[in-house]
Amino acid sequence: MVNNKNTTAKISDNKIEDQCIDIIYPQISGLKNQMAEQRINEAITRIVQKEIPMEGCDVYAEIFGRYEVEVNQKGILSIKFNFYTIAQMAANGLNVQRSITANLNTGQIYQLHDLFRPNSYYKVTLNRIINQSLEERDIDLLEPFPGVSDYDEYYLTDHALVLYWQELKYTAHALGTIEFVIPYTRISNLISETGPIGILLRD
């Protein structure tokens, strides 16, 4: 299977607009592997559709969405999505953050555990980093943090893994989305060479 380390995606905007809906999300193109391109675009569409409430504008005053491309190089794409919904007559809306990290050559969508070497006990290290960050930032939890799972939400930047919690998952609404920025240098001994971080760090 072709693995071009220089692969990048062309990214254009798709729009969903209605009485209360204003969502812009990405569509990728220009990949040599058309199956990979289709798979990634379908995954992006599923993320977006899941965040549009079925009741639509009959119930909601605003359904808003935007995206940021965090990585698009060396055959790796990582995108962060931010959505906001507020029901009619509601006092407060809800922010939701989603993300996708994909291989532009193969179409693989990476889960958190794909980033690390098998049997690396990566969750022990991530738990320690997160708990240290919570203490340093003096963040109060609504319920105890049970630890990282293999499928926790994340995105990548050029230099860091970013784990995040949704509003109200463990923290108060007022704190919004909680992010934990973990430089690759702090987890370099755990990274899978064939995973997306390992690919990004190759010379």
Protein backbone atom coordinates (compact mmCIF):
# COMPACT_ATOMS: atom_id res chain seq x y z
CA MET A 1 0.00 0.00 0.00
CA VAL A 2 1.32 3.44 -0.92
CA ASN A 3 2.66 5.42 2.03
CA ASN A 4 3.74 8.83 0.76
CA LYS A 5 5.22 10.76 3.64
CA ASN A 6 4.56 14.04 1.80
CA THR A 7 0.81 13.49 1.40
CA THR A 8 -1.43 16.41 2.36
CA ALA A 9 -5.13 16.96 1.77
CA LYS A 10 -6.83 19.80 -0.06
CA ILE A 11 -9.51 21.08 2.30
CA SER A 12 -12.62 23.03 1.32
CA ASP A 13 -15.67 24.19 3.26
CA ASN A 14 -19.02 22.47 3.26
CA LYS A 15 -21.94 24.44 4.70
CA ILE A 16 -25.23 23.55 6.34
CA GLU A 17 -27.43 26.62 6.69
CA ASP A 18 -31.02 26.87 7.84
CA GLN A 19 -33.21 29.10 9.97
CA CYS A 20 -31.14 28.32 13.07
CA ILE A 21 -28.28 26.22 11.65
CA ASP A 22 -24.89 27.66 10.75
CA ILE A 23 -22.33 24.88 10.36
CA ILE A 24 -19.15 24.89 8.32
CA TYR A 25 -17.25 21.62 8.11
CA PRO A 26 -14.39 20.33 5.96
CA GLN A 27 -14.35 18.19 2.87
CA ILE A 28 -11.03 16.72 1.83
CA SER A 29 -9.93 16.06 -1.73
CA GLY A 30 -6.85 15.53 -3.85
CA LEU A 31 -5.79 12.19 -2.36
CA LYS A 32 -4.33 9.49 -4.60
CA ASN A 33 -6.26 6.85 -2.65
CA GLN A 34 -9.89 7.59 -3.45
CA MET A 35 -11.15 4.98 -0.98
CA ALA A 36 -9.18 6.67 1.80
CA GLU A 37 -10.61 10.04 0.79
CA GLN A 38 -14.15 8.69 0.83
CA ARG A 39 -13.70 6.98 4.17
CA ILE A 40 -12.37 10.12 5.86
CA ASN A 41 -15.09 12.35 4.37
CA GLU A 42 -17.77 9.91 5.50
CA ALA A 43 -16.32 9.91 9.03
CA ILE A 44 -16.34 13.72 9.09
CA THR A 45 -19.95 13.80 7.91
CA ARG A 46 -20.97 11.37 10.66
CA ILE A 47 -19.38 13.61 13.29
CA VAL A 48 -21.28 16.64 12.01
CA GLN A 49 -24.63 14.93 11.58
CA LYS A 50 -24.47 13.51 15.10
CA GLU A 51 -24.22 17.03 16.54
CA ILE A 52 -27.33 18.34 14.76
CA PRO A 53 -30.32 17.69 17.05
CA MET A 54 -33.15 15.81 15.38
CA GLU A 55 -35.67 18.42 16.59
CA GLY A 56 -33.84 21.07 14.54
CA CYS A 57 -35.14 24.63 14.47
CA ASP A 58 -38.51 23.63 15.93
CA VAL A 59 -36.79 23.38 19.30
CA TYR A 60 -33.39 25.01 18.93
CA ALA A 61 -32.60 28.71 18.60
CA GLU A 62 -29.05 28.13 17.36
CA ILE A 63 -27.01 25.20 16.06
CA PHE A 64 -23.51 26.39 15.26
CA GLY A 65 -20.37 24.57 14.14
CA ARG A 66 -16.86 25.35 12.98
CA TYR A 67 -13.61 23.44 12.54
CA GLU A 68 -9.85 23.93 12.79
CA VAL A 69 -7.22 21.92 10.94
CA GLU A 70 -4.53 21.13 13.48
CA VAL A 71 -2.33 18.81 11.38
CA ASN A 72 -2.21 18.27 7.61
CA GLN A 73 1.21 16.91 6.76
CA LYS A 74 3.22 13.72 6.27
CA GLY A 75 0.08 11.78 5.45
CA ILE A 76 -1.62 12.64 8.76
CA LEU A 77 -4.73 14.80 9.19
CA SER A 78 -6.07 15.94 12.56
CA ILE A 79 -9.11 18.21 12.76
CA LYS A 80 -10.92 19.72 15.75
CA PHE A 81 -14.64 20.56 15.57
CA ASN A 82 -16.51 22.94 17.86
CA PHE A 83 -20.29 22.91 18.07
CA TYR A 84 -22.71 25.05 20.06
CA THR A 85 -26.42 24.46 20.54
CA ILE A 86 -28.98 26.35 22.56
CA ALA A 87 -32.67 25.55 22.78
CA GLN A 88 -35.34 28.22 22.42
CA MET A 89 -35.98 29.99 25.73
CA ALA A 90 -33.00 28.20 27.34
CA ALA A 91 -30.73 30.16 29.66
CA ASN A 92 -27.58 28.30 28.67
CA GLY A 93 -26.35 26.50 25.59
CA LEU A 94 -23.96 23.59 25.30
CA ASN A 95 -20.53 23.53 23.70
CA VAL A 96 -19.35 20.21 22.28
CA GLN A 97 -15.88 19.50 20.94
CA ARG A 98 -15.13 16.62 18.58
CA SER A 99 -12.11 15.56 16.56
CA ILE A 100 -10.76 13.17 13.99
CA THR A 101 -7.23 11.98 13.26
CA ALA A 102 -6.74 10.03 10.06
CA ASN A 103 -4.11 8.56 7.75
CA LEU A 104 -4.42 10.26 4.35
CA ASN A 105 -2.74 7.34 2.57
CA THR A 106 -4.83 4.50 3.99
CA GLY A 107 -7.99 6.15 5.35
CA GLN A 108 -7.44 4.69 8.82
CA ILE A 109 -9.19 6.63 11.59
CA TYR A 110 -6.98 6.48 14.67
CA GLN A 111 -8.26 5.79 18.17
CA LEU A 112 -6.23 6.92 21.18
CA HIS A 113 -4.70 3.49 21.75
CA ASP A 114 -3.37 3.46 18.17
CA LEU A 115 -0.93 6.23 19.11
CA PHE A 116 1.05 4.07 21.52
CA ARG A 117 3.15 0.94 21.53
CA PRO A 118 1.37 -2.25 22.64
CA ASN A 119 1.96 -3.06 26.31
CA SER A 120 3.45 0.40 26.90
CA TYR A 121 1.15 1.13 29.88
CA TYR A 122 0.56 4.53 28.30
CA LYS A 123 -2.57 5.11 30.37
CA VAL A 124 -0.53 5.15 33.57
CA THR A 125 1.58 8.00 32.20
CA LEU A 126 -1.37 9.96 30.81
CA ASN A 127 -3.30 9.59 34.07
CA ARG A 128 -0.35 10.95 36.00
CA ILE A 129 0.01 13.93 33.64
CA ILE A 130 -3.73 14.70 33.80
CA ASN A 131 -3.93 14.46 37.58
CA GLN A 132 -0.88 16.68 37.91
CA SER A 133 -2.47 19.23 35.57
CA LEU A 134 -5.75 19.19 37.52
CA GLU A 135 -3.85 19.93 40.71
CA GLU A 136 -1.70 22.66 39.19
CA ARG A 137 -4.74 24.35 37.62
CA ASP A 138 -6.85 23.89 40.75
CA ILE A 139 -9.73 22.34 38.81
CA ASP A 140 -12.56 20.95 40.93
CA LEU A 141 -14.24 17.78 39.66
CA LEU A 142 -17.95 17.01 39.76
CA GLU A 143 -17.07 13.33 40.11
CA PRO A 144 -13.81 11.39 40.36
CA PHE A 145 -11.78 10.98 37.18
CA PRO A 146 -11.64 7.20 36.54
CA GLY A 147 -8.62 7.36 34.26
CA VAL A 148 -7.92 7.39 30.54
CA SER A 149 -9.57 4.80 28.27
CA ASP A 150 -8.38 3.42 24.93
CA TYR A 151 -11.01 5.48 23.11
CA ASP A 152 -10.86 8.86 24.83
CA GLU A 153 -11.23 11.93 22.62
CA TYR A 154 -8.09 13.72 21.44
CA TYR A 155 -6.50 15.62 18.59
CA LEU A 156 -2.92 16.21 17.49
CA THR A 157 -0.93 19.34 16.83
CA ASP A 158 2.54 19.61 15.31
CA HIS A 159 4.08 19.31 18.77
CA ALA A 160 1.55 17.85 21.21
CA LEU A 161 -1.19 15.37 21.94
CA VAL A 162 -4.28 17.15 23.25
CA LEU A 163 -6.77 15.18 25.35
CA TYR A 164 -10.03 16.88 26.24
CA TRP A 165 -13.18 16.53 28.32
CA GLN A 166 -16.61 17.70 27.26
CA GLU A 167 -18.47 20.30 29.28
CA LEU A 168 -20.11 18.78 32.36
CA LYS A 169 -18.36 15.42 32.00
CA TYR A 170 -16.19 15.92 35.07
CA THR A 171 -16.23 19.69 35.53
CA ALA A 172 -18.68 22.57 35.88
CA HIS A 173 -20.39 24.08 32.83
CA ALA A 174 -18.67 27.41 33.39
CA LEU A 175 -15.23 25.84 32.76
CA GLY A 176 -16.18 24.77 29.24
CA THR A 177 -14.15 22.14 27.44
CA ILE A 178 -11.12 21.08 29.46
CA GLU A 179 -7.95 20.38 27.45
CA PHE A 180 -4.73 18.71 28.47
CA VAL A 181 -1.82 19.58 26.16
CA ILE A 182 0.86 16.90 26.34
CA PRO A 183 4.07 17.61 24.38
CA TYR A 184 5.35 14.64 22.42
CA THR A 185 8.64 14.93 24.29
CA ARG A 186 6.84 13.84 27.50
CA ILE A 187 5.59 10.60 25.95
CA SER A 188 8.30 9.85 23.38
CA ASN A 189 9.16 6.48 24.91
CA LEU A 190 5.53 5.30 24.55
CA ILE A 191 4.78 6.31 20.97
CA SER A 192 4.10 3.71 18.28
CA GLU A 193 6.40 4.20 15.30
CA THR A 194 3.55 3.21 12.98
CA GLY A 195 0.95 5.44 14.67
CA PRO A 196 0.20 9.03 13.67
CA ILE A 197 2.56 10.66 16.17
CA GLY A 198 5.36 8.32 15.16
CA ILE A 199 4.75 9.21 11.51
CA LEU A 200 4.74 12.95 12.26
CA LEU A 201 8.03 12.71 14.14
CA ARG A 202 9.88 10.91 11.36
CA ASP A 203 12.57 12.89 9.58
